[in-house]
Amino acid sequence: MAIKTTLVVQSFIIKRKRLVVGDREMTPTESGALKKAEAIAKRIPGTAAIRVMADYETGELERATILGQFGDVRDDFAESFAGG
């Protein structure tokens, strides 16, 4: 089992009067993910910085941790990582 950690900034946008998932960007560090998420949230409805740990051989999610949320983020977003 080869676990790989990926740091992601997930944006949220308004589409048809609903808050939906937008673009996703990878970053090299946790602090960079938090800074980028906070900066992006000033221009769009919201963002979240996430640490994802997965087995890159099988694609199986081991754990996902939300490092920070800025602005409007879907209510069910954190729940989508249940069990992680």
N, C-alpha and C. Protein backbone atom coordinates (compact mmCIF):
# COMPACT_ATOMS: atom_id res chain seq x y z
N MET A 1 0.86 -1.18 0.00
CA MET A 1 0.00 0.00 0.00
C MET A 1 0.90 1.23 0.00
N ALA A 2 0.72 2.11 -0.96
CA ALA A 2 1.52 3.32 -1.10
C ALA A 2 0.61 4.53 -0.94
N ILE A 3 0.64 5.13 0.25
CA ILE A 3 -0.21 6.27 0.54
C ILE A 3 0.46 7.55 0.05
N LYS A 4 -0.31 8.36 -0.65
CA LYS A 4 0.17 9.64 -1.15
C LYS A 4 -0.73 10.74 -0.60
N THR A 5 -0.12 11.83 -0.15
CA THR A 5 -0.86 12.98 0.36
C THR A 5 -0.92 14.05 -0.73
N THR A 6 -2.11 14.54 -0.97
CA THR A 6 -2.34 15.61 -1.94
C THR A 6 -3.05 16.75 -1.23
N LEU A 7 -2.61 17.97 -1.49
CA LEU A 7 -3.24 19.15 -0.90
C LEU A 7 -4.01 19.86 -2.00
N VAL A 8 -5.29 20.11 -1.71
CA VAL A 8 -6.20 20.61 -2.74
C VAL A 8 -6.92 21.85 -2.23
N VAL A 9 -7.12 22.81 -3.12
CA VAL A 9 -7.98 23.96 -2.86
C VAL A 9 -9.21 23.79 -3.75
N GLN A 10 -10.37 23.63 -3.13
CA GLN A 10 -11.63 23.41 -3.83
C GLN A 10 -12.45 24.69 -3.77
N SER A 11 -12.85 25.21 -4.93
CA SER A 11 -13.67 26.42 -4.95
C SER A 11 -15.15 26.08 -5.08
N PHE A 12 -15.98 27.03 -4.70
CA PHE A 12 -17.43 26.91 -4.80
C PHE A 12 -17.96 28.16 -5.47
N ILE A 13 -18.83 27.96 -6.46
CA ILE A 13 -19.39 29.05 -7.24
C ILE A 13 -20.92 28.98 -7.23
N ILE A 14 -21.54 30.06 -7.65
CA ILE A 14 -23.00 30.10 -7.79
C ILE A 14 -23.35 29.79 -9.24
N LYS A 15 -24.20 28.78 -9.42
CA LYS A 15 -24.66 28.42 -10.76
C LYS A 15 -26.15 28.13 -10.65
N ARG A 16 -26.93 28.85 -11.45
CA ARG A 16 -28.39 28.71 -11.42
C ARG A 16 -28.93 28.88 -10.00
N LYS A 17 -28.40 29.90 -9.32
CA LYS A 17 -28.81 30.28 -7.96
C LYS A 17 -28.51 29.22 -6.91
N ARG A 18 -27.57 28.32 -7.22
CA ARG A 18 -27.18 27.28 -6.26
C ARG A 18 -25.67 27.30 -6.09
N LEU A 19 -25.21 26.98 -4.88
CA LEU A 19 -23.80 26.87 -4.60
C LEU A 19 -23.31 25.50 -5.05
N VAL A 20 -22.39 25.47 -6.00
CA VAL A 20 -21.90 24.21 -6.56
C VAL A 20 -20.37 24.18 -6.53
N VAL A 21 -19.82 22.99 -6.68
CA VAL A 21 -18.37 22.81 -6.72
C VAL A 21 -17.81 23.46 -7.98
N GLY A 22 -16.72 24.20 -7.81
CA GLY A 22 -16.06 24.86 -8.93
C GLY A 22 -14.73 24.19 -9.24
N ASP A 23 -13.74 25.01 -9.52
CA ASP A 23 -12.41 24.50 -9.89
C ASP A 23 -11.69 23.91 -8.67
N ARG A 24 -10.73 23.05 -8.97
CA ARG A 24 -9.91 22.41 -7.94
C ARG A 24 -8.45 22.61 -8.34
N GLU A 25 -7.63 23.04 -7.38
CA GLU A 25 -6.21 23.24 -7.64
C GLU A 25 -5.39 22.50 -6.60
N MET A 26 -4.28 21.91 -7.01
CA MET A 26 -3.38 21.26 -6.07
C MET A 26 -2.30 22.26 -5.65
N THR A 27 -1.83 22.12 -4.41
CA THR A 27 -0.77 22.97 -3.89
C THR A 27 0.29 22.09 -3.22
N PRO A 28 1.51 22.59 -3.12
CA PRO A 28 2.57 21.76 -2.55
C PRO A 28 2.61 21.70 -1.02
N THR A 29 2.05 22.72 -0.33
CA THR A 29 2.12 22.75 1.13
C THR A 29 0.76 23.07 1.76
N GLU A 30 0.59 22.68 3.03
CA GLU A 30 -0.66 23.00 3.74
C GLU A 30 -0.82 24.49 3.91
N SER A 31 0.25 25.18 4.29
CA SER A 31 0.13 26.63 4.48
C SER A 31 -0.19 27.31 3.15
N GLY A 32 0.40 26.82 2.07
CA GLY A 32 0.09 27.36 0.75
C GLY A 32 -1.36 27.13 0.37
N ALA A 33 -1.90 25.96 0.71
CA ALA A 33 -3.31 25.66 0.42
C ALA A 33 -4.22 26.61 1.18
N LEU A 34 -3.92 26.84 2.45
CA LEU A 34 -4.74 27.74 3.27
C LEU A 34 -4.68 29.18 2.75
N LYS A 35 -3.49 29.65 2.42
CA LYS A 35 -3.34 31.01 1.90
C LYS A 35 -4.05 31.18 0.57
N LYS A 36 -3.90 30.19 -0.30
CA LYS A 36 -4.54 30.27 -1.62
C LYS A 36 -6.06 30.24 -1.48
N ALA A 37 -6.57 29.35 -0.63
CA ALA A 37 -8.02 29.26 -0.43
C ALA A 37 -8.58 30.58 0.11
N GLU A 38 -7.89 31.16 1.06
CA GLU A 38 -8.35 32.44 1.63
C GLU A 38 -8.33 33.55 0.59
N ALA A 39 -7.29 33.59 -0.23
CA ALA A 39 -7.20 34.62 -1.27
C ALA A 39 -8.27 34.45 -2.33
N ILE A 40 -8.49 33.22 -2.77
CA ILE A 40 -9.50 32.97 -3.81
C ILE A 40 -10.89 33.30 -3.30
N ALA A 41 -11.16 33.04 -2.02
CA ALA A 41 -12.49 33.29 -1.45
C ALA A 41 -12.85 34.77 -1.45
N LYS A 42 -11.88 35.64 -1.64
CA LYS A 42 -12.17 37.08 -1.73
C LYS A 42 -12.79 37.44 -3.07
N ARG A 43 -12.62 36.56 -4.07
CA ARG A 43 -13.12 36.84 -5.42
C ARG A 43 -14.34 36.02 -5.81
N ILE A 44 -14.56 34.90 -5.12
CA ILE A 44 -15.68 34.02 -5.44
C ILE A 44 -16.41 33.68 -4.14
N PRO A 45 -17.56 33.01 -4.20
CA PRO A 45 -18.33 32.75 -2.98
C PRO A 45 -17.57 32.01 -1.88
N GLY A 46 -16.76 31.00 -2.20
CA GLY A 46 -16.08 30.28 -1.13
C GLY A 46 -15.07 29.26 -1.62
N THR A 47 -14.21 28.82 -0.68
CA THR A 47 -13.21 27.80 -0.97
C THR A 47 -12.95 26.97 0.27
N ALA A 48 -12.33 25.82 0.06
CA ALA A 48 -11.89 24.97 1.16
C ALA A 48 -10.51 24.42 0.81
N ALA A 49 -9.65 24.34 1.84
CA ALA A 49 -8.33 23.71 1.69
C ALA A 49 -8.44 22.32 2.29
N ILE A 50 -8.00 21.31 1.55
CA ILE A 50 -8.20 19.91 1.95
C ILE A 50 -6.91 19.12 1.81
N ARG A 51 -6.64 18.26 2.80
CA ARG A 51 -5.54 17.29 2.71
C ARG A 51 -6.17 15.94 2.41
N VAL A 52 -5.81 15.33 1.30
CA VAL A 52 -6.35 14.04 0.89
C VAL A 52 -5.22 13.01 0.93
N MET A 53 -5.47 11.92 1.66
CA MET A 53 -4.50 10.82 1.71
C MET A 53 -5.16 9.61 1.07
N ALA A 54 -4.52 9.09 0.02
CA ALA A 54 -5.10 7.97 -0.72
C ALA A 54 -4.00 7.01 -1.14
N ASP A 55 -4.39 5.77 -1.34
CA ASP A 55 -3.50 4.76 -1.87
C ASP A 55 -3.47 4.97 -3.37
N TYR A 56 -2.35 5.44 -3.89
CA TYR A 56 -2.32 5.77 -5.31
C TYR A 56 -2.30 4.54 -6.20
N GLU A 57 -2.02 3.38 -5.65
CA GLU A 57 -2.05 2.16 -6.46
C GLU A 57 -3.48 1.67 -6.69
N THR A 58 -4.32 1.77 -5.65
CA THR A 58 -5.69 1.29 -5.77
C THR A 58 -6.70 2.42 -5.97
N GLY A 59 -6.29 3.67 -5.65
CA GLY A 59 -7.20 4.80 -5.74
C GLY A 59 -8.12 4.92 -4.54
N GLU A 60 -7.92 4.07 -3.53
CA GLU A 60 -8.78 4.06 -2.35
C GLU A 60 -8.44 5.22 -1.41
N LEU A 61 -9.47 5.98 -1.03
CA LEU A 61 -9.32 7.10 -0.11
C LEU A 61 -9.06 6.58 1.30
N GLU A 62 -7.98 7.04 1.90
CA GLU A 62 -7.66 6.67 3.27
C GLU A 62 -8.24 7.70 4.24
N ARG A 63 -8.01 8.98 3.94
CA ARG A 63 -8.47 10.04 4.82
C ARG A 63 -8.49 11.36 4.06
N ALA A 64 -9.48 12.18 4.36
CA ALA A 64 -9.55 13.53 3.82
C ALA A 64 -9.85 14.46 4.99
N THR A 65 -9.03 15.48 5.13
CA THR A 65 -9.18 16.43 6.23
C THR A 65 -9.36 17.82 5.66
N ILE A 66 -10.39 18.51 6.11
CA ILE A 66 -10.60 19.88 5.69
C ILE A 66 -9.75 20.76 6.60
N LEU A 67 -8.76 21.42 6.01
CA LEU A 67 -7.82 22.25 6.76
C LEU A 67 -8.42 23.61 7.09
N GLY A 68 -9.26 24.12 6.20
CA GLY A 68 -9.89 25.41 6.40
C GLY A 68 -10.96 25.68 5.37
N GLN A 69 -11.97 26.46 5.77
CA GLN A 69 -13.05 26.85 4.86
C GLN A 69 -13.16 28.37 4.91
N PHE A 70 -13.35 28.97 3.76
CA PHE A 70 -13.44 30.42 3.66
C PHE A 70 -14.64 30.79 2.80
N GLY A 71 -15.46 31.71 3.29
CA GLY A 71 -16.64 32.11 2.55
C GLY A 71 -17.72 31.04 2.59
N ASP A 72 -18.52 30.99 1.54
CA ASP A 72 -19.64 30.04 1.46
C ASP A 72 -19.17 28.71 0.88
N VAL A 73 -19.37 27.66 1.67
CA VAL A 73 -19.03 26.30 1.27
C VAL A 73 -20.29 25.46 1.46
N ARG A 74 -20.55 24.56 0.54
CA ARG A 74 -21.77 23.73 0.64
C ARG A 74 -21.85 23.05 2.00
N ASP A 75 -23.05 23.03 2.58
CA ASP A 75 -23.27 22.42 3.89
C ASP A 75 -22.89 20.95 3.91
N ASP A 76 -23.14 20.24 2.82
CA ASP A 76 -22.87 18.81 2.78
C ASP A 76 -21.44 18.47 2.34
N PHE A 77 -20.63 19.48 2.13
CA PHE A 77 -19.26 19.25 1.66
C PHE A 77 -18.44 18.45 2.67
N ALA A 78 -18.44 18.86 3.93
CA ALA A 78 -17.68 18.15 4.96
C ALA A 78 -18.19 16.72 5.13
N GLU A 79 -19.50 16.54 5.01
CA GLU A 79 -20.09 15.22 5.15
C GLU A 79 -19.67 14.27 4.02
N SER A 80 -19.29 14.83 2.89
CA SER A 80 -18.89 13.98 1.77
C SER A 80 -17.58 13.24 2.05
N PHE A 81 -16.87 13.68 3.10
CA PHE A 81 -15.63 13.01 3.49
C PHE A 81 -15.84 12.11 4.70
N ALA A 82 -17.07 11.79 5.03
CA ALA A 82 -17.36 10.94 6.19
C ALA A 82 -16.61 9.62 6.06
N GLY A 83 -16.09 9.20 7.16
CA GLY A 83 -15.34 7.95 7.18
C GLY A 83 -13.88 8.17 6.90
N GLY A 84 -13.50 9.40 6.52
CA GLY A 84 -12.11 9.69 6.26
C GLY A 84 -11.43 10.34 7.41
